[in-house]
Amino acid sequence: MKKLLTAIERTGQQVLERAFLKVFLLGMLTTVGAILVAFLISNEIMKEVPLYSSDWDWWQDLVNNMLGYVFKTVFIFTIILFFAPISTIFISIFLDDVIDCVEDKFYSENKAGKRLGIPNLAFLAVRIMFFIIVLNILMLPLYILLYILFFGVPFVSMALFYILNGYLLGWGYYEMVAVRHLGIKEAGVHRKSIRGPILGVGLIMTLLFMVPVIQFTVPILGAALICHLFHLSRPEQT
């Protein structure tokens, strides 16, 4: 707990620094742009649905209203549910800058000798996205079942949702930081030694991903928190 609190305190000291603000702005613009493009492309694809176009005005109005409502509802629900992995992919492009900023200020003597680079960060981000999307889809029937069993009270379903996604986000972001310093096997061993704080960061990220506007900062804050935990838990750090 002490390490987690120290990580939060040190991250708070840097949130207004140039590197953080630059990644926040670029990441937000990139994510919003990607969502907008996806919406426009999906809207065009929807027009290819059989019977979408018709010479009958009443039918065209009916289909437009019905499909338009369903499409927008599904699109918004998908973005809300999977915003975490979507934003992670685009903001991951800039995460090397955030991690460098943290290590330059607090851990300059143990700074990584290499940056992961955009291809490696993008790969790790896509992998996080894959696991989050697939596992949440697989768990959806259980979420619904628990909601029904507890008479419409979403507490248990939400708790399971937060634990699952907190674990996945903590694990995924940890690897983005750790593999700059350690091999995959070494990173796995080290992660197990701080699994509690890592899960704590993942839960914080999952919660903040539900807050409008703040959600754009979560990948940045998450990477910084994990970076602090990684260094604070190594023997040479105090």
C-alpha atoms as a PDB file:
ATOM      1  CA  MET A   1       0.000   0.000   0.000  1.00  0.00           C
ATOM      2  CA  LYS A   2       2.864   2.384   0.848  1.00  0.00           C
ATOM      3  CA  LYS A   3       4.392   1.880  -2.608  1.00  0.00           C
ATOM      4  CA  LEU A   4       1.060   2.546  -4.295  1.00  0.00           C
ATOM      5  CA  LEU A   5       0.542   5.756  -2.311  1.00  0.00           C
ATOM      6  CA  THR A   6       4.080   6.884  -3.142  1.00  0.00           C
ATOM      7  CA  ALA A   7       3.433   6.145  -6.826  1.00  0.00           C
ATOM      8  CA  ILE A   8       0.232   8.208  -6.732  1.00  0.00           C
ATOM      9  CA  GLU A   9       1.994  11.087  -4.981  1.00  0.00           C
ATOM     10  CA  ARG A  10       4.904  11.161  -7.439  1.00  0.00           C
ATOM     11  CA  THR A  11       2.581  10.896 -10.440  1.00  0.00           C
ATOM     12  CA  GLY A  12       0.616  13.844  -9.102  1.00  0.00           C
ATOM     13  CA  GLN A  13       3.798  15.912  -9.106  1.00  0.00           C
ATOM     14  CA  GLN A  14       4.175  15.450 -12.870  1.00  0.00           C
ATOM     15  CA  VAL A  15       0.661  15.679 -14.301  1.00  0.00           C
ATOM     16  CA  LEU A  16       1.177  19.275 -15.476  1.00  0.00           C
ATOM     17  CA  GLU A  17       4.611  18.692 -16.977  1.00  0.00           C
ATOM     18  CA  ARG A  18       5.068  19.219 -20.688  1.00  0.00           C
ATOM     19  CA  ALA A  19       5.559  15.536 -21.592  1.00  0.00           C
ATOM     20  CA  PHE A  20       2.325  14.561 -19.844  1.00  0.00           C
ATOM     21  CA  LEU A  21       0.317  17.420 -21.364  1.00  0.00           C
ATOM     22  CA  LYS A  22       1.706  16.697 -24.836  1.00  0.00           C
ATOM     23  CA  VAL A  23       0.741  13.017 -24.679  1.00  0.00           C
ATOM     24  CA  PHE A  24      -2.659  13.895 -23.251  1.00  0.00           C
ATOM     25  CA  LEU A  25      -3.413  16.318 -26.092  1.00  0.00           C
ATOM     26  CA  LEU A  26      -2.014  14.156 -28.905  1.00  0.00           C
ATOM     27  CA  GLY A  27      -3.566  10.998 -27.500  1.00  0.00           C
ATOM     28  CA  MET A  28      -6.969  12.634 -27.086  1.00  0.00           C
ATOM     29  CA  LEU A  29      -6.965  14.057 -30.615  1.00  0.00           C
ATOM     30  CA  THR A  30      -5.812  10.737 -32.083  1.00  0.00           C
ATOM     31  CA  THR A  31      -8.425   8.724 -30.174  1.00  0.00           C
ATOM     32  CA  VAL A  32     -11.293  11.101 -30.970  1.00  0.00           C
ATOM     33  CA  GLY A  33     -10.233  11.191 -34.620  1.00  0.00           C
ATOM     34  CA  ALA A  34     -10.127   7.387 -34.806  1.00  0.00           C
ATOM     35  CA  ILE A  35     -13.579   7.074 -33.203  1.00  0.00           C
ATOM     36  CA  LEU A  36     -15.013   9.637 -35.627  1.00  0.00           C
ATOM     37  CA  VAL A  37     -13.511   7.840 -38.637  1.00  0.00           C
ATOM     38  CA  ALA A  38     -14.860   4.504 -37.338  1.00  0.00           C
ATOM     39  CA  PHE A  39     -18.320   6.058 -36.985  1.00  0.00           C
ATOM     40  CA  LEU A  40     -18.297   7.435 -40.539  1.00  0.00           C
ATOM     41  CA  ILE A  41     -17.042   4.151 -42.014  1.00  0.00           C
ATOM     42  CA  SER A  42     -19.587   2.115 -40.035  1.00  0.00           C
ATOM     43  CA  ASN A  43     -22.339   4.462 -41.165  1.00  0.00           C
ATOM     44  CA  GLU A  44     -21.378   3.917 -44.802  1.00  0.00           C
ATOM     45  CA  ILE A  45     -21.237   0.131 -44.320  1.00  0.00           C
ATOM     46  CA  MET A  46     -24.710   0.215 -42.780  1.00  0.00           C
ATOM     47  CA  LYS A  47     -26.052   1.669 -46.027  1.00  0.00           C
ATOM     48  CA  GLU A  48     -25.107  -1.584 -47.762  1.00  0.00           C
ATOM     49  CA  VAL A  49     -27.558  -3.546 -45.614  1.00  0.00           C
ATOM     50  CA  PRO A  50     -30.142  -5.287 -47.868  1.00  0.00           C
ATOM     51  CA  LEU A  51     -33.384  -3.318 -48.205  1.00  0.00           C
ATOM     52  CA  TYR A  52     -31.743  -0.217 -46.684  1.00  0.00           C
ATOM     53  CA  SER A  53     -32.486   1.767 -49.850  1.00  0.00           C
ATOM     54  CA  SER A  54     -35.940   1.829 -51.373  1.00  0.00           C
ATOM     55  CA  ASP A  55     -38.059   3.927 -53.732  1.00  0.00           C
ATOM     56  CA  TRP A  56     -40.818   3.959 -51.132  1.00  0.00           C
ATOM     57  CA  ASP A  57     -40.469   7.035 -48.956  1.00  0.00           C
ATOM     58  CA  TRP A  58     -42.346   5.530 -45.998  1.00  0.00           C
ATOM     59  CA  TRP A  59     -40.073   2.467 -46.024  1.00  0.00           C
ATOM     60  CA  GLN A  60     -36.942   4.598 -46.323  1.00  0.00           C
ATOM     61  CA  ASP A  61     -38.010   6.719 -43.365  1.00  0.00           C
ATOM     62  CA  LEU A  62     -38.833   3.634 -41.293  1.00  0.00           C
ATOM     63  CA  VAL A  63     -35.537   1.890 -42.066  1.00  0.00           C
ATOM     64  CA  ASN A  64     -33.501   5.060 -41.538  1.00  0.00           C
ATOM     65  CA  ASN A  65     -35.083   5.715 -38.160  1.00  0.00           C
ATOM     66  CA  MET A  66     -34.924   2.110 -36.978  1.00  0.00           C
ATOM     67  CA  LEU A  67     -31.447   1.232 -38.200  1.00  0.00           C
ATOM     68  CA  GLY A  68     -30.123   4.654 -37.266  1.00  0.00           C
ATOM     69  CA  TYR A  69     -31.285   4.252 -33.668  1.00  0.00           C
ATOM     70  CA  VAL A  70     -29.944   0.693 -33.360  1.00  0.00           C
ATOM     71  CA  PHE A  71     -26.638   1.617 -35.006  1.00  0.00           C
ATOM     72  CA  LYS A  72     -26.013   4.638 -32.784  1.00  0.00           C
ATOM     73  CA  THR A  73     -26.990   2.739 -29.640  1.00  0.00           C
ATOM     74  CA  VAL A  74     -24.688  -0.203 -30.433  1.00  0.00           C
ATOM     75  CA  PHE A  75     -21.852   2.107 -31.479  1.00  0.00           C
ATOM     76  CA  ILE A  76     -22.033   4.215 -28.302  1.00  0.00           C
ATOM     77  CA  PHE A  77     -22.331   1.103 -26.107  1.00  0.00           C
ATOM     78  CA  THR A  78     -19.295  -0.448 -27.818  1.00  0.00           C
ATOM     79  CA  ILE A  79     -17.201   2.702 -27.409  1.00  0.00           C
ATOM     80  CA  ILE A  80     -18.114   2.991 -23.718  1.00  0.00           C
ATOM     81  CA  LEU A  81     -17.472  -0.680 -22.998  1.00  0.00           C
ATOM     82  CA  PHE A  82     -14.215  -0.901 -24.919  1.00  0.00           C
ATOM     83  CA  PHE A  83     -12.877   2.646 -24.556  1.00  0.00           C
ATOM     84  CA  ALA A  84      -9.996   1.410 -22.389  1.00  0.00           C
ATOM     85  CA  PRO A  85      -8.352  -0.825 -25.016  1.00  0.00           C
ATOM     86  CA  ILE A  86      -9.233   1.549 -27.861  1.00  0.00           C
ATOM     87  CA  SER A  87      -7.587   4.568 -26.239  1.00  0.00           C
ATOM     88  CA  THR A  88      -4.644   2.448 -25.070  1.00  0.00           C
ATOM     89  CA  ILE A  89      -3.807   1.556 -28.660  1.00  0.00           C
ATOM     90  CA  PHE A  90      -3.616   5.155 -29.829  1.00  0.00           C
ATOM     91  CA  ILE A  91      -2.047   6.692 -26.736  1.00  0.00           C
ATOM     92  CA  SER A  92       0.524   3.867 -26.574  1.00  0.00           C
ATOM     93  CA  ILE A  93       2.241   5.572 -29.504  1.00  0.00           C
ATOM     94  CA  PHE A  94       3.354   8.283 -27.073  1.00  0.00           C
ATOM     95  CA  LEU A  95       3.900   6.259 -23.882  1.00  0.00           C
ATOM     96  CA  ASP A  96       7.678   6.049 -24.284  1.00  0.00           C
ATOM     97  CA  ASP A  97       7.755   9.814 -23.680  1.00  0.00           C
ATOM     98  CA  VAL A  98       5.766   9.478 -20.447  1.00  0.00           C
ATOM     99  CA  ILE A  99       7.926   6.667 -19.089  1.00  0.00           C
ATOM    100  CA  ASP A 100      11.093   8.586 -20.013  1.00  0.00           C
ATOM    101  CA  CYS A 101       9.724  11.624 -18.186  1.00  0.00           C
ATOM    102  CA  VAL A 102       9.126   9.589 -15.012  1.00  0.00           C
ATOM    103  CA  GLU A 103      12.500   7.860 -15.126  1.00  0.00           C
ATOM    104  CA  ASP A 104      14.411  11.077 -15.916  1.00  0.00           C
ATOM    105  CA  LYS A 105      13.003  12.809 -12.847  1.00  0.00           C
ATOM    106  CA  PHE A 106      12.901  10.040 -10.250  1.00  0.00           C
ATOM    107  CA  TYR A 107      15.026   7.104 -11.433  1.00  0.00           C
ATOM    108  CA  SER A 108      17.725   8.559 -13.667  1.00  0.00           C
ATOM    109  CA  GLU A 109      20.355   6.110 -12.352  1.00  0.00           C
ATOM    110  CA  ASN A 110      18.175   3.140 -13.310  1.00  0.00           C
ATOM    111  CA  LYS A 111      16.687   4.446 -16.521  1.00  0.00           C
ATOM    112  CA  ALA A 112      16.097   1.891 -19.253  1.00  0.00           C
ATOM    113  CA  GLY A 113      18.808   1.774 -21.881  1.00  0.00           C
ATOM    114  CA  LYS A 114      16.271   1.503 -24.680  1.00  0.00           C
ATOM    115  CA  ARG A 115      12.851   2.732 -25.681  1.00  0.00           C
ATOM    116  CA  LEU A 116      10.355   0.128 -26.820  1.00  0.00           C
ATOM    117  CA  GLY A 117       9.400   2.109 -29.893  1.00  0.00           C
ATOM    118  CA  ILE A 118       6.020   2.491 -31.556  1.00  0.00           C
ATOM    119  CA  PRO A 119       5.834  -1.022 -33.147  1.00  0.00           C
ATOM    120  CA  ASN A 120       6.476  -2.834 -29.843  1.00  0.00           C
ATOM    121  CA  LEU A 121       4.198  -0.555 -27.830  1.00  0.00           C
ATOM    122  CA  ALA A 122       1.461  -0.910 -30.448  1.00  0.00           C
ATOM    123  CA  PHE A 123       1.811  -4.707 -30.318  1.00  0.00           C
ATOM    124  CA  LEU A 124       1.487  -4.755 -26.527  1.00  0.00           C
ATOM    125  CA  ALA A 125      -1.479  -2.366 -26.693  1.00  0.00           C
ATOM    126  CA  VAL A 126      -3.250  -4.487 -29.310  1.00  0.00           C
ATOM    127  CA  ARG A 127      -2.686  -7.541 -27.135  1.00  0.00           C
ATOM    128  CA  ILE A 128      -4.283  -5.767 -24.168  1.00  0.00           C
ATOM    129  CA  MET A 129      -7.200  -4.798 -26.397  1.00  0.00           C
ATOM    130  CA  PHE A 130      -7.617  -8.367 -27.608  1.00  0.00           C
ATOM    131  CA  PHE A 131      -7.766  -9.869 -24.122  1.00  0.00           C
ATOM    132  CA  ILE A 132     -10.050  -7.160 -22.732  1.00  0.00           C
ATOM    133  CA  ILE A 133     -12.531  -7.390 -25.599  1.00  0.00           C
ATOM    134  CA  VAL A 134     -12.561 -11.181 -25.877  1.00  0.00           C
ATOM    135  CA  LEU A 135     -12.750 -11.891 -22.138  1.00  0.00           C
ATOM    136  CA  ASN A 136     -15.456  -9.284 -21.551  1.00  0.00           C
ATOM    137  CA  ILE A 137     -17.529 -10.724 -24.381  1.00  0.00           C
ATOM    138  CA  LEU A 138     -17.095 -14.210 -22.919  1.00  0.00           C
ATOM    139  CA  MET A 139     -18.037 -12.917 -19.467  1.00  0.00           C
ATOM    140  CA  LEU A 140     -21.100 -11.016 -20.694  1.00  0.00           C
ATOM    141  CA  PRO A 141     -23.531 -13.924 -20.035  1.00  0.00           C
ATOM    142  CA  LEU A 142     -22.142 -14.179 -16.487  1.00  0.00           C
ATOM    143  CA  TYR A 143     -22.541 -10.429 -15.959  1.00  0.00           C
ATOM    144  CA  ILE A 144     -26.183 -10.714 -17.046  1.00  0.00           C
ATOM    145  CA  LEU A 145     -26.789 -13.868 -14.979  1.00  0.00           C
ATOM    146  CA  LEU A 146     -25.397 -12.258 -11.818  1.00  0.00           C
ATOM    147  CA  TYR A 147     -27.497  -9.159 -12.472  1.00  0.00           C
ATOM    148  CA  ILE A 148     -30.629 -11.343 -12.681  1.00  0.00           C
ATOM    149  CA  LEU A 149     -29.721 -13.509  -9.668  1.00  0.00           C
ATOM    150  CA  PHE A 150     -29.223 -10.433  -7.500  1.00  0.00           C
ATOM    151  CA  PHE A 151     -32.611  -8.994  -8.510  1.00  0.00           C
ATOM    152  CA  GLY A 152     -31.372  -6.235 -10.760  1.00  0.00           C
ATOM    153  CA  VAL A 153     -28.719  -4.956  -8.336  1.00  0.00           C
ATOM    154  CA  PRO A 154     -25.578  -4.498 -10.470  1.00  0.00           C
ATOM    155  CA  PHE A 155     -23.072  -4.543  -7.592  1.00  0.00           C
ATOM    156  CA  VAL A 156     -21.805  -8.112  -8.053  1.00  0.00           C
ATOM    157  CA  SER A 157     -21.641  -7.847 -11.852  1.00  0.00           C
ATOM    158  CA  MET A 158     -19.813  -4.525 -11.617  1.00  0.00           C
ATOM    159  CA  ALA A 159     -17.395  -5.897  -9.013  1.00  0.00           C
ATOM    160  CA  LEU A 160     -16.523  -8.809 -11.321  1.00  0.00           C
ATOM    161  CA  PHE A 161     -16.172  -6.394 -14.261  1.00  0.00           C
ATOM    162  CA  TYR A 162     -13.790  -4.136 -12.306  1.00  0.00           C
ATOM    163  CA  ILE A 163     -11.659  -6.999 -10.995  1.00  0.00           C
ATOM    164  CA  LEU A 164     -11.294  -8.621 -14.423  1.00  0.00           C
ATOM    165  CA  ASN A 165     -10.467  -5.397 -16.245  1.00  0.00           C
ATOM    166  CA  GLY A 166      -8.321  -4.106 -13.388  1.00  0.00           C
ATOM    167  CA  TYR A 167      -6.212  -7.247 -13.572  1.00  0.00           C
ATOM    168  CA  LEU A 168      -5.886  -7.063 -17.377  1.00  0.00           C
ATOM    169  CA  LEU A 169      -5.002  -3.364 -17.425  1.00  0.00           C
ATOM    170  CA  GLY A 170      -2.491  -3.715 -14.589  1.00  0.00           C
ATOM    171  CA  TRP A 171      -0.836  -6.688 -16.273  1.00  0.00           C
ATOM    172  CA  GLY A 172      -0.803  -5.072 -19.712  1.00  0.00           C
ATOM    173  CA  TYR A 173       0.599  -1.740 -18.607  1.00  0.00           C
ATOM    174  CA  TYR A 174       3.150  -3.432 -16.370  1.00  0.00           C
ATOM    175  CA  GLU A 175       4.610  -5.206 -19.389  1.00  0.00           C
ATOM    176  CA  MET A 176       4.899  -1.920 -21.297  1.00  0.00           C
ATOM    177  CA  VAL A 177       7.160  -0.651 -18.527  1.00  0.00           C
ATOM    178  CA  ALA A 178       8.955  -3.791 -17.379  1.00  0.00           C
ATOM    179  CA  VAL A 179      10.134  -5.128 -20.742  1.00  0.00           C
ATOM    180  CA  ARG A 180      12.234  -1.988 -21.146  1.00  0.00           C
ATOM    181  CA  HIS A 181      14.326  -3.318 -18.240  1.00  0.00           C
ATOM    182  CA  LEU A 182      13.724  -7.065 -17.964  1.00  0.00           C
ATOM    183  CA  GLY A 183      13.113 -10.104 -20.110  1.00  0.00           C
ATOM    184  CA  ILE A 184       9.588 -11.519 -20.319  1.00  0.00           C
ATOM    185  CA  LYS A 185      10.258 -14.293 -17.768  1.00  0.00           C
ATOM    186  CA  GLU A 186      12.006 -11.953 -15.321  1.00  0.00           C
ATOM    187  CA  ALA A 187       9.197  -9.440 -15.695  1.00  0.00           C
ATOM    188  CA  GLY A 188       6.652 -12.149 -14.901  1.00  0.00           C
ATOM    189  CA  VAL A 189       8.475 -13.102 -11.696  1.00  0.00           C
ATOM    190  CA  HIS A 190       8.809  -9.477 -10.633  1.00  0.00           C
ATOM    191  CA  ARG A 191       5.145  -8.729 -11.360  1.00  0.00           C
ATOM    192  CA  LYS A 192       4.050 -11.538  -9.045  1.00  0.00           C
ATOM    193  CA  SER A 193       5.983  -9.900  -6.197  1.00  0.00           C
ATOM    194  CA  ILE A 194       3.854  -6.739  -6.505  1.00  0.00           C
ATOM    195  CA  ARG A 195       0.598  -8.216  -7.808  1.00  0.00           C
ATOM    196  CA  GLY A 196      -1.442  -6.389  -5.144  1.00  0.00           C
ATOM    197  CA  PRO A 197      -0.301  -2.836  -6.028  1.00  0.00           C
ATOM    198  CA  ILE A 198      -0.459  -3.666  -9.752  1.00  0.00           C
ATOM    199  CA  LEU A 199      -4.081  -4.783  -9.355  1.00  0.00           C
ATOM    200  CA  GLY A 200      -4.718  -1.607  -7.351  1.00  0.00           C
ATOM    201  CA  VAL A 201      -3.486   0.536 -10.249  1.00  0.00           C
ATOM    202  CA  GLY A 202      -5.585  -1.526 -12.665  1.00  0.00           C
ATOM    203  CA  LEU A 203      -8.719  -0.961 -10.548  1.00  0.00           C
ATOM    204  CA  ILE A 204      -8.027   2.784 -10.401  1.00  0.00           C
ATOM    205  CA  MET A 205      -7.626   2.842 -14.186  1.00  0.00           C
ATOM    206  CA  THR A 206     -10.831   0.872 -14.750  1.00  0.00           C
ATOM    207  CA  LEU A 207     -12.765   3.290 -12.544  1.00  0.00           C
ATOM    208  CA  LEU A 208     -11.304   6.408 -14.177  1.00  0.00           C
ATOM    209  CA  PHE A 209     -12.003   5.026 -17.651  1.00  0.00           C
ATOM    210  CA  MET A 210     -15.699   5.479 -16.782  1.00  0.00           C
ATOM    211  CA  VAL A 211     -15.294   9.227 -16.155  1.00  0.00           C
ATOM    212  CA  PRO A 212     -15.812  11.443 -19.242  1.00  0.00           C
ATOM    213  CA  VAL A 213     -12.790  13.526 -20.342  1.00  0.00           C
ATOM    214  CA  ILE A 214     -10.688  12.129 -17.470  1.00  0.00           C
ATOM    215  CA  GLN A 215     -10.736   8.817 -19.356  1.00  0.00           C
ATOM    216  CA  PHE A 216      -8.367  10.278 -21.957  1.00  0.00           C
ATOM    217  CA  THR A 217      -5.687  10.754 -19.290  1.00  0.00           C
ATOM    218  CA  VAL A 218      -5.925   7.218 -17.884  1.00  0.00           C
ATOM    219  CA  PRO A 219      -3.344   5.508 -20.141  1.00  0.00           C
ATOM    220  CA  ILE A 220      -0.847   8.257 -19.257  1.00  0.00           C
ATOM    221  CA  LEU A 221      -1.534   8.104 -15.531  1.00  0.00           C
ATOM    222  CA  GLY A 222      -1.577   4.293 -15.584  1.00  0.00           C
ATOM    223  CA  ALA A 223       1.803   4.070 -17.318  1.00  0.00           C
ATOM    224  CA  ALA A 224       3.309   6.559 -14.838  1.00  0.00           C
ATOM    225  CA  LEU A 225       1.893   4.734 -11.793  1.00  0.00           C
ATOM    226  CA  ILE A 226       3.113   1.355 -13.007  1.00  0.00           C
ATOM    227  CA  CYS A 227       6.531   2.837 -13.784  1.00  0.00           C
ATOM    228  CA  HIS A 228       6.806   4.098 -10.204  1.00  0.00           C
ATOM    229  CA  LEU A 229       5.691   0.752  -8.763  1.00  0.00           C
ATOM    230  CA  PHE A 230       8.204  -1.078 -10.931  1.00  0.00           C
ATOM    231  CA  HIS A 231      11.139   1.008  -9.724  1.00  0.00           C
ATOM    232  CA  LEU A 232       9.987   1.284  -6.099  1.00  0.00           C
ATOM    233  CA  SER A 233       9.805  -2.493  -5.828  1.00  0.00           C
ATOM    234  CA  ARG A 234      13.295  -3.148  -7.161  1.00  0.00           C
ATOM    235  CA  PRO A 235      16.017  -3.847  -4.540  1.00  0.00           C
ATOM    236  CA  GLU A 236      18.152  -0.853  -5.512  1.00  0.00           C
ATOM    237  CA  GLN A 237      15.284   1.576  -4.919  1.00  0.00           C
ATOM    238  CA  THR A 238      14.005   2.954  -1.657  1.00  0.00           C
END
